[in-house]
């Protein structure tokens, strides 16, 4: 669970997927699709994706 979201996949499926991502045999877009299809909000949370915080660009010196 992270940010009120649970990944609905077996431990083996998560392991194999993360390993494939780390070794480069799974590209980012297919990984994102895999992740989106398995993310479910926990009770009391109504959105899978929370709004991104807004950051100010740091001034350079």
N, C-alpha and C. Protein backbone atom coordinates (compact mmCIF):
# COMPACT_ATOMS: atom_id res chain seq x y z
N UNK A 1 0.83 -1.16 0.00
CA UNK A 1 0.00 0.00 0.00
C UNK A 1 0.89 1.24 0.00
N UNK A 2 0.53 2.21 -0.83
CA UNK A 2 1.25 3.48 -0.88
C UNK A 2 0.24 4.55 -1.28
N UNK A 3 0.21 5.62 -0.54
CA UNK A 3 -0.71 6.73 -0.85
C UNK A 3 -2.16 6.29 -0.94
N UNK A 4 -2.56 5.35 -0.10
CA UNK A 4 -3.95 4.91 -0.08
C UNK A 4 -4.34 4.01 -1.23
N UNK A 5 -3.35 3.43 -1.90
CA UNK A 5 -3.60 2.57 -3.06
C UNK A 5 -2.95 1.22 -2.81
N UNK A 6 -3.66 0.17 -3.19
CA UNK A 6 -3.12 -1.18 -3.07
C UNK A 6 -2.90 -1.75 -4.46
N UNK A 7 -1.80 -2.49 -4.65
CA UNK A 7 -1.54 -3.15 -5.92
C UNK A 7 -2.11 -4.56 -5.83
N UNK A 8 -3.15 -4.82 -6.61
CA UNK A 8 -3.83 -6.11 -6.57
C UNK A 8 -3.12 -7.09 -7.49
N UNK A 9 -2.05 -7.70 -6.98
CA UNK A 9 -1.28 -8.69 -7.71
C UNK A 9 -0.60 -9.59 -6.69
N UNK A 10 -0.29 -10.79 -7.11
CA UNK A 10 0.39 -11.72 -6.20
C UNK A 10 1.82 -11.23 -5.95
N UNK A 11 2.40 -11.70 -4.88
CA UNK A 11 3.79 -11.34 -4.57
C UNK A 11 4.72 -11.77 -5.71
N UNK A 12 4.47 -12.94 -6.28
CA UNK A 12 5.29 -13.43 -7.39
C UNK A 12 5.15 -12.52 -8.62
N UNK A 13 3.92 -12.10 -8.93
CA UNK A 13 3.68 -11.23 -10.07
C UNK A 13 4.37 -9.88 -9.87
N UNK A 14 4.29 -9.34 -8.66
CA UNK A 14 4.96 -8.07 -8.37
C UNK A 14 6.48 -8.22 -8.51
N UNK A 15 7.01 -9.31 -7.99
CA UNK A 15 8.46 -9.55 -8.04
C UNK A 15 8.95 -9.64 -9.47
N UNK A 16 8.29 -10.46 -10.28
CA UNK A 16 8.71 -10.66 -11.66
C UNK A 16 8.60 -9.35 -12.45
N UNK A 17 7.54 -8.60 -12.20
CA UNK A 17 7.35 -7.33 -12.91
C UNK A 17 8.41 -6.31 -12.53
N UNK A 18 8.70 -6.17 -11.24
CA UNK A 18 9.71 -5.22 -10.80
C UNK A 18 11.10 -5.62 -11.28
N UNK A 19 11.37 -6.91 -11.30
CA UNK A 19 12.65 -7.40 -11.80
C UNK A 19 12.81 -7.09 -13.30
N UNK A 20 11.75 -7.31 -14.06
CA UNK A 20 11.78 -7.01 -15.49
C UNK A 20 11.99 -5.51 -15.73
N UNK A 21 11.35 -4.69 -14.92
CA UNK A 21 11.54 -3.24 -15.04
C UNK A 21 12.98 -2.86 -14.72
N UNK A 22 13.52 -3.43 -13.65
CA UNK A 22 14.88 -3.10 -13.23
C UNK A 22 15.93 -3.55 -14.25
N UNK A 23 15.72 -4.70 -14.87
CA UNK A 23 16.72 -5.19 -15.82
C UNK A 23 16.54 -4.60 -17.22
N UNK A 24 15.45 -3.86 -17.44
CA UNK A 24 15.25 -3.19 -18.71
C UNK A 24 14.46 -3.96 -19.74
N UNK A 25 13.97 -5.14 -19.40
CA UNK A 25 13.18 -5.92 -20.36
C UNK A 25 11.71 -5.50 -20.38
N UNK A 26 11.32 -4.64 -19.44
CA UNK A 26 9.97 -4.08 -19.41
C UNK A 26 10.09 -2.57 -19.51
N UNK A 27 9.50 -2.01 -20.56
CA UNK A 27 9.56 -0.57 -20.79
C UNK A 27 8.61 0.15 -19.82
N UNK A 28 8.81 1.46 -19.71
CA UNK A 28 8.03 2.26 -18.77
C UNK A 28 6.54 2.29 -19.10
N UNK A 29 6.17 2.47 -20.37
CA UNK A 29 4.76 2.54 -20.73
C UNK A 29 4.00 1.24 -20.42
N UNK A 30 4.53 0.08 -20.79
CA UNK A 30 3.84 -1.16 -20.41
C UNK A 30 3.79 -1.36 -18.90
N UNK A 31 4.85 -0.94 -18.20
CA UNK A 31 4.82 -1.04 -16.73
C UNK A 31 3.73 -0.15 -16.15
N UNK A 32 3.62 1.08 -16.66
CA UNK A 32 2.59 2.00 -16.18
C UNK A 32 1.20 1.43 -16.42
N UNK A 33 0.99 0.81 -17.58
CA UNK A 33 -0.30 0.19 -17.87
C UNK A 33 -0.57 -0.97 -16.92
N UNK A 34 0.46 -1.79 -16.67
CA UNK A 34 0.33 -2.91 -15.72
C UNK A 34 -0.06 -2.38 -14.34
N UNK A 35 0.62 -1.34 -13.91
CA UNK A 35 0.37 -0.78 -12.59
C UNK A 35 -1.03 -0.17 -12.50
N UNK A 36 -1.42 0.61 -13.50
CA UNK A 36 -2.75 1.23 -13.49
C UNK A 36 -3.86 0.19 -13.44
N UNK A 37 -3.67 -0.91 -14.14
CA UNK A 37 -4.72 -1.94 -14.18
C UNK A 37 -4.85 -2.70 -12.87
N UNK A 38 -3.87 -2.56 -11.99
CA UNK A 38 -3.88 -3.30 -10.73
C UNK A 38 -4.03 -2.44 -9.49
N UNK A 39 -4.02 -1.14 -9.64
CA UNK A 39 -4.15 -0.24 -8.48
C UNK A 39 -5.61 -0.06 -8.11
N UNK A 40 -5.89 -0.25 -6.84
CA UNK A 40 -7.24 -0.04 -6.33
C UNK A 40 -7.16 0.82 -5.08
N UNK A 41 -8.06 1.81 -4.97
CA UNK A 41 -8.03 2.64 -3.77
C UNK A 41 -8.50 1.85 -2.55
N UNK A 42 -7.91 2.14 -1.43
CA UNK A 42 -8.33 1.51 -0.19
C UNK A 42 -9.64 2.15 0.27
N UNK A 43 -10.41 1.47 1.10
CA UNK A 43 -11.67 2.05 1.57
C UNK A 43 -11.45 3.44 2.17
N UNK A 44 -12.35 4.35 1.84
CA UNK A 44 -12.24 5.71 2.32
C UNK A 44 -11.48 6.62 1.38
N UNK A 45 -10.90 6.04 0.34
CA UNK A 45 -10.19 6.85 -0.66
C UNK A 45 -11.00 6.77 -1.94
N UNK A 46 -11.29 7.89 -2.56
CA UNK A 46 -12.13 7.86 -3.75
C UNK A 46 -11.38 8.06 -5.05
N UNK A 47 -10.08 8.21 -5.01
CA UNK A 47 -9.33 8.41 -6.25
C UNK A 47 -8.04 7.60 -6.18
N UNK A 48 -7.66 7.01 -7.30
CA UNK A 48 -6.42 6.26 -7.37
C UNK A 48 -5.25 7.22 -7.47
N UNK A 49 -5.40 8.27 -8.23
CA UNK A 49 -4.30 9.21 -8.41
C UNK A 49 -4.62 10.52 -7.71
N UNK A 50 -3.73 10.93 -6.85
CA UNK A 50 -3.89 12.20 -6.15
C UNK A 50 -3.28 13.32 -6.98
N UNK A 51 -3.80 14.54 -6.83
CA UNK A 51 -3.22 15.64 -7.59
C UNK A 51 -1.75 15.84 -7.26
N UNK A 52 -0.98 16.18 -8.27
CA UNK A 52 0.45 16.42 -8.07
C UNK A 52 0.65 17.75 -7.36
N UNK A 53 1.56 17.80 -6.41
CA UNK A 53 1.83 19.07 -5.74
C UNK A 53 2.49 20.05 -6.71
N UNK A 54 2.29 21.31 -6.48
CA UNK A 54 2.91 22.32 -7.33
C UNK A 54 4.18 22.82 -6.65
N UNK A 55 5.25 22.79 -7.40
CA UNK A 55 6.54 23.22 -6.88
C UNK A 55 6.99 24.48 -7.60
N UNK A 56 7.67 25.32 -6.86
CA UNK A 56 8.27 26.49 -7.47
C UNK A 56 9.67 26.13 -7.91
N UNK A 57 10.07 26.66 -9.03
CA UNK A 57 11.43 26.44 -9.50
C UNK A 57 12.39 27.20 -8.58
N UNK A 58 13.43 26.55 -8.17
CA UNK A 58 14.42 27.19 -7.30
C UNK A 58 15.22 28.21 -8.11
N UNK A 59 15.46 29.34 -7.52
CA UNK A 59 16.25 30.35 -8.23
C UNK A 59 17.72 29.93 -8.21
N UNK A 60 18.39 30.19 -9.31
CA UNK A 60 19.81 29.86 -9.41
C UNK A 60 20.64 31.05 -8.97
N UNK A 61 21.70 30.75 -8.31
CA UNK A 61 22.59 31.83 -7.85
C UNK A 61 23.81 31.92 -8.69
